Amino acid sequence: MNIKPIAVGLVFCVGMGLALKSWLLGIMFGIIFYVALNEAEKKKQI
């Protein structure tokens, strides 16, 4: 299990939550960013 996408997604989630003053939007953006990074990592491995 690669920890990098999880860490970046979590940092992005907290950062967006603080910047937008909306934790729900921050979590949504964090999940989207995590999924995008995870897909990019999978494509690199193939």
Protein backbone atom coordinates (compact mmCIF):
# COMPACT_ATOMS: atom_id res chain seq x y z
CA MET A 1 0.00 0.00 0.00
CA ASN A 2 1.41 3.32 -1.08
CA ILE A 3 1.10 5.97 1.65
CA LYS A 4 1.84 9.01 -0.57
CA PRO A 5 -1.69 9.47 -2.07
CA ILE A 6 -3.27 9.11 1.38
CA ALA A 7 -0.93 11.68 2.94
CA VAL A 8 -1.33 14.19 0.11
CA GLY A 9 -5.11 13.73 0.09
CA LEU A 10 -5.28 14.28 3.84
CA VAL A 11 -3.11 17.42 3.73
CA PHE A 12 -5.12 18.76 0.79
CA CYS A 13 -8.38 17.97 2.64
CA VAL A 14 -7.32 19.89 5.76
CA GLY A 15 -5.91 22.77 3.72
CA MET A 16 -9.06 23.18 1.64
CA GLY A 17 -11.24 22.83 4.74
CA LEU A 18 -9.38 25.68 6.43
CA ALA A 19 -9.23 27.84 3.28
CA LEU A 20 -12.92 27.49 2.44
CA LYS A 21 -14.10 27.37 6.07
CA SER A 22 -16.18 24.36 5.06
CA TRP A 23 -15.06 20.92 6.18
CA LEU A 24 -17.52 19.17 3.85
CA LEU A 25 -16.01 20.84 0.77
CA GLY A 26 -12.52 20.15 2.09
CA ILE A 27 -13.29 16.46 2.52
CA MET A 28 -14.84 16.28 -0.96
CA PHE A 29 -11.80 17.90 -2.57
CA GLY A 30 -9.47 15.68 -0.52
CA ILE A 31 -11.23 12.51 -1.69
CA ILE A 32 -11.20 13.68 -5.32
CA PHE A 33 -7.48 14.51 -5.08
CA TYR A 34 -6.74 11.15 -3.40
CA VAL A 35 -8.57 9.20 -6.12
CA ALA A 36 -6.81 11.16 -8.88
CA LEU A 37 -3.37 10.53 -7.35
CA ASN A 38 -4.17 6.86 -6.79
CA GLU A 39 -5.18 6.42 -10.45
CA ALA A 40 -2.01 8.20 -11.61
CA GLU A 41 0.13 5.87 -9.44
CA LYS A 42 -1.65 2.80 -10.86
CA LYS A 43 -1.02 3.95 -14.44
CA LYS A 44 2.68 4.50 -13.68
CA GLN A 45 3.08 0.94 -12.40
CA ILE A 46 1.60 -0.65 -15.53
